[in-house]
Amino acid sequence: MSASTSLKPVLPPEIRARKGGDPIVVLTAYTTPVARLVDPHCDVALVGDSLGMVVHGLPSTIGVTMEMMILHGRAVMRGLSKAMCVIDMPFGSYEEGPEQAYRNAARLMAETGAPAVKLEGGTHMAPTIAFLTARGVPVMAHIGLTPQAVNTLGGYKVVGRGAEAEVLMEDALAVEAAGAFSVVLEKVPEGLAARVSRTLSIPTIGIGAGVGCDGQVLVVDDMLGLFTDFRPKFVKRYAELGKTADDAIAAYAADVRARRFPAPEHAFADILPAKSAAKDPK
């Protein structure tokens, strides 16, 4: 949190209390400058493990490490004054069991100052969520498409159609009962997501889950047009900063090659030594 402000940051109980109220605004952030941009407008800044793909060029989120999440978590916390920071627990840091999950969640919180973590999984992760919340670790759950399980799911597909609908509802009820203060619904059919949102007493945060959720989250690089490797259907581009940056870099390169940059106004004049007085011939 910035030392130059007296704003009170949002905390998990406040997010939980927003159920059924004004929609909750969430964006990812991975760096201090982006955190500063997100902070005035969002309720939550999510340090998502998507940073592995959009910042580090990995093919999926599976290769993200605790050290990467801590590094970026610290950077984001330096840029926040109001929004709540939530940090993803990376693949392999919590699946082994509640004790492993607690050790790593406690480390994320202690080494970054973030007040909450997010982990993927429904019914099978409920005991872990309960273990964490009972020990002072606020948890944002994540069900539906869970990117860390992409190899098991067989791709980034919609989750919750047909017979899967009741399984997803069971997952939602399980993470709520375990003590999660909110739950992300990713790539879930719109009608099902709305039904889950009406059923739960905790807020739902949708990403590709329709307008019926209690809030929405997007990857900031997606909505700004900075990450262009692929574009999910649920992403709305609010800017094309990647194209703007490409044009700017091309103009810079052209100026350097044509010796138009640096121009005189970008350079420093030499400071010549003062001329010594002529010696008296006497």
Protein backbone atom coordinates (compact mmCIF):
# COMPACT_ATOMS: atom_id res chain seq x y z
CA MET A 1 0.00 0.00 0.00
CA SER A 2 1.25 3.47 -0.82
CA ALA A 3 2.63 5.34 2.18
CA SER A 4 1.38 8.63 0.73
CA THR A 5 -2.32 7.93 1.23
CA SER A 6 -4.68 7.50 4.15
CA LEU A 7 -7.27 5.52 2.19
CA LYS A 8 -8.48 2.38 3.92
CA PRO A 9 -7.96 -0.68 1.70
CA VAL A 10 -10.80 -3.08 0.97
CA LEU A 11 -10.71 -6.34 2.95
CA PRO A 12 -12.40 -9.75 2.42
CA PRO A 13 -15.40 -9.13 4.75
CA GLU A 14 -16.28 -6.03 2.73
CA ILE A 15 -16.23 -8.01 -0.52
CA ARG A 16 -18.42 -10.71 1.03
CA ALA A 17 -20.86 -8.03 2.23
CA ARG A 18 -21.23 -6.78 -1.34
CA LYS A 19 -23.35 -9.83 -2.23
CA GLY A 20 -26.33 -8.64 -4.24
CA GLY A 21 -25.15 -5.03 -4.14
CA ASP A 22 -23.17 -2.94 -6.58
CA PRO A 23 -21.19 -5.16 -8.96
CA ILE A 24 -17.65 -5.98 -7.80
CA VAL A 25 -14.95 -4.83 -10.23
CA VAL A 26 -11.83 -6.99 -10.51
CA LEU A 27 -8.83 -6.78 -12.83
CA THR A 28 -5.51 -8.56 -12.78
CA ALA A 29 -2.32 -6.63 -12.05
CA TYR A 30 1.26 -7.86 -12.08
CA THR A 31 3.36 -4.70 -11.72
CA THR A 32 3.42 -1.54 -9.61
CA PRO A 33 2.52 0.86 -12.49
CA VAL A 34 -0.49 -1.24 -13.52
CA ALA A 35 -1.58 -1.61 -9.88
CA ARG A 36 -1.60 2.19 -9.61
CA LEU A 37 -3.81 2.40 -12.69
CA VAL A 38 -6.20 -0.29 -11.47
CA ASP A 39 -6.43 0.91 -7.87
CA PRO A 40 -8.81 3.90 -8.19
CA HIS A 41 -11.32 2.01 -10.31
CA CYS A 42 -11.37 -1.57 -8.98
CA ASP A 43 -12.41 -3.30 -5.78
CA VAL A 44 -9.91 -6.14 -6.20
CA ALA A 45 -6.54 -6.36 -7.93
CA LEU A 46 -5.88 -10.02 -8.66
CA VAL A 47 -2.28 -11.14 -9.00
CA GLY A 48 -3.28 -14.00 -11.25
CA ASP A 49 -1.07 -16.89 -12.22
CA SER A 50 -1.97 -15.78 -15.76
CA LEU A 51 1.20 -13.72 -15.33
CA GLY A 52 3.06 -16.84 -16.43
CA MET A 53 1.56 -16.46 -19.90
CA VAL A 54 1.13 -12.71 -20.33
CA VAL A 55 4.34 -11.57 -18.60
CA HIS A 56 6.73 -14.53 -18.75
CA GLY A 57 5.71 -16.11 -22.06
CA LEU A 58 4.88 -19.55 -20.65
CA PRO A 59 2.47 -21.78 -22.61
CA SER A 60 0.14 -22.16 -19.60
CA THR A 61 -0.11 -21.30 -15.91
CA ILE A 62 1.34 -24.63 -14.81
CA GLY A 63 4.96 -23.46 -14.80
CA VAL A 64 4.32 -20.54 -12.43
CA THR A 65 6.22 -20.76 -9.12
CA MET A 66 5.74 -19.43 -5.61
CA GLU A 67 8.72 -17.16 -6.13
CA MET A 68 7.08 -15.60 -9.20
CA MET A 69 3.82 -15.00 -7.34
CA ILE A 70 5.65 -13.42 -4.40
CA LEU A 71 7.74 -11.19 -6.68
CA HIS A 72 4.71 -9.86 -8.53
CA GLY A 73 2.58 -9.76 -5.38
CA ARG A 74 5.08 -7.44 -3.72
CA ALA A 75 5.14 -5.22 -6.80
CA VAL A 76 1.35 -4.93 -6.90
CA MET A 77 1.04 -4.23 -3.18
CA ARG A 78 3.39 -1.26 -3.61
CA GLY A 79 0.94 0.26 -6.08
CA LEU A 80 -2.32 -0.20 -4.16
CA SER A 81 -4.02 2.21 -1.78
CA LYS A 82 -7.67 1.15 -1.94
CA ALA A 83 -8.22 -2.05 -3.91
CA MET A 84 -7.77 -5.40 -2.19
CA CYS A 85 -4.93 -7.58 -3.43
CA VAL A 86 -5.69 -11.27 -3.93
CA ILE A 87 -2.86 -13.59 -4.98
CA ASP A 88 -3.27 -16.87 -6.85
CA MET A 89 -1.73 -19.94 -5.29
CA PRO A 90 0.29 -21.53 -8.09
CA PHE A 91 -0.03 -25.10 -9.33
CA GLY A 92 1.56 -27.58 -6.94
CA SER A 93 1.48 -25.27 -3.93
CA TYR A 94 -1.76 -26.51 -2.32
CA GLU A 95 -3.07 -29.70 -3.96
CA GLU A 96 -1.07 -32.07 -1.75
CA GLY A 97 -3.15 -31.30 1.31
CA PRO A 98 -4.35 -28.67 3.80
CA GLU A 99 -1.03 -28.44 5.66
CA GLN A 100 0.95 -27.76 2.47
CA ALA A 101 -1.68 -25.24 1.39
CA TYR A 102 -1.48 -23.43 4.73
CA ARG A 103 2.30 -23.21 4.66
CA ASN A 104 2.30 -21.71 1.18
CA ALA A 105 -0.70 -19.42 1.72
CA ALA A 106 0.87 -18.10 4.92
CA ARG A 107 4.11 -17.49 3.03
CA LEU A 108 2.33 -15.60 0.25
CA MET A 109 0.55 -13.37 2.75
CA ALA A 110 3.56 -12.83 5.01
CA GLU A 111 6.02 -12.04 2.21
CA THR A 112 3.70 -9.77 0.20
CA GLY A 113 1.28 -8.26 2.69
CA ALA A 114 -1.71 -9.38 0.61
CA PRO A 115 -4.85 -10.06 2.68
CA ALA A 116 -6.21 -13.02 0.68
CA VAL A 117 -5.35 -15.87 -1.68
CA LYS A 118 -7.21 -17.62 -4.49
CA LEU A 119 -7.10 -21.31 -5.30
CA GLU A 120 -8.77 -23.50 -7.89
CA GLY A 121 -11.09 -26.40 -7.25
CA GLY A 122 -14.55 -27.20 -5.91
CA THR A 123 -15.78 -30.07 -3.76
CA HIS A 124 -12.41 -31.82 -3.58
CA MET A 125 -10.74 -28.61 -2.36
CA ALA A 126 -13.39 -27.77 0.24
CA PRO A 127 -11.49 -29.39 3.15
CA THR A 128 -8.40 -27.35 2.24
CA ILE A 129 -10.42 -24.13 2.05
CA ALA A 130 -11.97 -24.90 5.45
CA PHE A 131 -8.52 -25.59 6.92
CA LEU A 132 -7.19 -22.27 5.62
CA THR A 133 -10.12 -20.11 6.63
CA ALA A 134 -10.15 -21.61 10.12
CA ARG A 135 -6.55 -20.46 10.48
CA GLY A 136 -6.96 -16.89 9.33
CA VAL A 137 -6.38 -17.22 5.57
CA PRO A 138 -9.21 -15.62 3.56
CA VAL A 139 -9.84 -17.63 0.39
CA MET A 140 -11.37 -16.66 -2.93
CA ALA A 141 -12.41 -19.92 -4.59
CA HIS A 142 -12.33 -20.62 -8.35
CA ILE A 143 -14.54 -23.17 -10.11
CA GLY A 144 -15.74 -23.94 -13.63
CA LEU A 145 -12.80 -23.81 -16.03
CA THR A 146 -9.76 -24.10 -13.78
CA PRO A 147 -6.71 -23.32 -15.96
CA GLN A 148 -4.28 -25.25 -13.75
CA ALA A 149 -6.26 -28.40 -14.63
CA VAL A 150 -6.24 -27.70 -18.37
CA ASN A 151 -4.43 -30.95 -19.16
CA THR A 152 -7.07 -32.93 -17.29
CA LEU A 153 -9.97 -30.97 -18.74
CA GLY A 154 -8.63 -31.35 -22.26
CA GLY A 155 -8.45 -27.66 -23.10
CA TYR A 156 -9.97 -24.31 -22.23
CA LYS A 157 -13.57 -25.42 -22.66
CA VAL A 158 -16.91 -24.27 -21.24
CA VAL A 159 -17.71 -26.13 -18.00
CA GLY A 160 -21.23 -26.78 -16.71
CA ARG A 161 -23.26 -27.92 -19.68
CA GLY A 162 -25.62 -30.86 -19.39
CA ALA A 163 -24.86 -33.22 -16.52
CA GLU A 164 -21.93 -31.02 -15.49
CA ALA A 165 -24.34 -28.33 -14.30
CA GLU A 166 -25.24 -30.07 -11.06
CA VAL A 167 -21.59 -30.92 -10.41
CA LEU A 168 -20.71 -27.25 -10.72
CA MET A 169 -23.54 -26.30 -8.37
CA GLU A 170 -22.21 -28.82 -5.85
CA ASP A 171 -18.75 -27.30 -6.20
CA ALA A 172 -20.16 -23.82 -5.55
CA LEU A 173 -22.08 -24.91 -2.47
CA ALA A 174 -19.03 -26.79 -1.16
CA VAL A 175 -16.64 -23.83 -1.36
CA GLU A 176 -19.25 -21.58 0.21
CA ALA A 177 -19.76 -24.00 3.11
CA ALA A 178 -15.98 -24.27 3.52
CA GLY A 179 -15.73 -20.55 4.20
CA ALA A 180 -14.64 -18.94 0.91
CA PHE A 181 -15.54 -15.23 0.92
CA SER A 182 -16.22 -15.24 -2.84
CA VAL A 183 -15.93 -17.54 -5.83
CA VAL A 184 -14.76 -17.03 -9.41
CA LEU A 185 -16.90 -18.71 -12.07
CA GLU A 186 -14.87 -19.14 -15.24
CA LYS A 187 -16.30 -20.08 -18.62
CA VAL A 188 -19.64 -21.21 -17.20
CA PRO A 189 -22.91 -21.03 -19.20
CA GLU A 190 -24.69 -17.75 -18.48
CA GLY A 191 -27.91 -19.27 -17.17
CA LEU A 192 -26.10 -21.65 -14.83
CA ALA A 193 -23.85 -18.88 -13.53
CA ALA A 194 -26.92 -16.75 -12.78
CA ARG A 195 -28.52 -19.67 -10.93
CA VAL A 196 -25.37 -20.26 -8.89
CA SER A 197 -25.24 -16.54 -8.08
CA ARG A 198 -28.86 -16.55 -6.88
CA THR A 199 -28.25 -19.64 -4.76
CA LEU A 200 -25.04 -18.66 -2.96
CA SER A 201 -24.76 -16.19 -0.10
CA ILE A 202 -21.22 -15.22 -1.17
CA PRO A 203 -20.41 -13.09 -4.22
CA THR A 204 -19.69 -14.71 -7.56
CA ILE A 205 -17.06 -13.14 -9.80
CA GLY A 206 -17.60 -14.02 -13.43
CA ILE A 207 -15.12 -14.40 -16.26
CA GLY A 208 -16.93 -15.69 -19.31
CA ALA A 209 -19.96 -16.41 -17.10
CA GLY A 210 -22.43 -13.71 -18.10
CA VAL A 211 -23.86 -10.61 -16.51
CA GLY A 212 -25.76 -12.40 -13.73
CA CYS A 213 -22.71 -12.71 -11.48
CA ASP A 214 -22.06 -10.35 -8.55
CA GLY A 215 -18.90 -9.04 -10.19
CA GLN A 216 -16.58 -9.45 -13.16
CA VAL A 217 -12.87 -10.06 -13.67
CA LEU A 218 -10.69 -9.80 -16.77
CA VAL A 219 -6.98 -10.13 -17.42
CA VAL A 220 -5.84 -6.52 -17.75
CA ASP A 221 -3.50 -7.32 -20.67
CA ASP A 222 -6.44 -8.85 -22.55
CA MET A 223 -8.81 -5.92 -22.12
CA LEU A 224 -6.09 -3.39 -22.97
CA GLY A 225 -5.04 -5.25 -26.12
CA LEU A 226 -1.52 -5.94 -24.86
CA PHE A 227 -1.75 -9.74 -24.91
CA THR A 228 -2.70 -10.86 -28.40
CA ASP A 229 -1.58 -14.50 -28.59
CA PHE A 230 -5.24 -15.47 -28.46
CA ARG A 231 -8.51 -13.75 -27.61
CA PRO A 232 -11.21 -15.61 -25.67
CA LYS A 233 -14.80 -14.88 -26.65
CA PHE A 234 -15.53 -13.36 -23.24
CA VAL A 235 -12.86 -10.66 -23.56
CA LYS A 236 -13.96 -7.15 -24.53
CA ARG A 237 -11.11 -4.99 -25.78
CA TYR A 238 -11.33 -1.53 -24.24
CA ALA A 239 -8.12 -0.36 -25.93
CA GLU A 240 -5.55 -1.55 -28.46
CA LEU A 241 -2.41 -0.58 -26.59
CA GLY A 242 -0.42 -3.33 -28.28
CA LYS A 243 -0.99 -1.69 -31.68
CA THR A 244 -0.22 1.74 -30.22
CA ALA A 245 3.02 0.45 -28.72
CA ASP A 246 4.01 -1.27 -31.97
CA ASP A 247 3.51 1.98 -33.91
CA ALA A 248 5.52 3.93 -31.35
CA ILE A 249 8.42 1.46 -31.36
CA ALA A 250 8.48 1.44 -35.16
CA ALA A 251 8.58 5.26 -35.23
CA TYR A 252 11.45 5.27 -32.71
CA ALA A 253 13.42 2.73 -34.73
CA ALA A 254 12.91 4.76 -37.92
CA ASP A 255 14.07 7.96 -36.19
CA VAL A 256 17.22 6.29 -34.85
CA ARG A 257 18.14 4.84 -38.24
CA ALA A 258 17.54 8.21 -39.93
CA ARG A 259 19.48 10.03 -37.21
CA ARG A 260 16.41 12.13 -36.39
CA PHE A 261 16.70 11.01 -32.77
CA PRO A 262 18.17 12.26 -30.58
CA ALA A 263 17.54 15.81 -31.81
CA PRO A 264 19.37 18.80 -30.31
CA GLU A 265 16.64 19.28 -27.70
CA HIS A 266 17.31 15.77 -26.38
CA ALA A 267 21.08 16.28 -25.96
CA PHE A 268 23.28 18.04 -23.42
CA ALA A 269 25.66 20.81 -24.42
CA ASP A 270 29.34 20.51 -23.63
CA ILE A 271 30.60 22.65 -20.74
CA LEU A 272 33.82 24.22 -21.89
CA PRO A 273 36.50 25.18 -19.34
CA ALA A 274 36.80 28.93 -18.77
CA LYS A 275 39.63 30.54 -20.71
CA SER A 276 42.57 31.42 -18.47
CA ALA A 277 43.52 35.09 -18.29
CA ALA A 278 46.46 36.12 -20.48
CA LYS A 279 49.70 36.29 -18.55
CA ASP A 280 51.08 39.77 -17.84
CA PRO A 281 54.23 40.03 -20.04
CA LYS A 282 55.93 41.98 -17.26
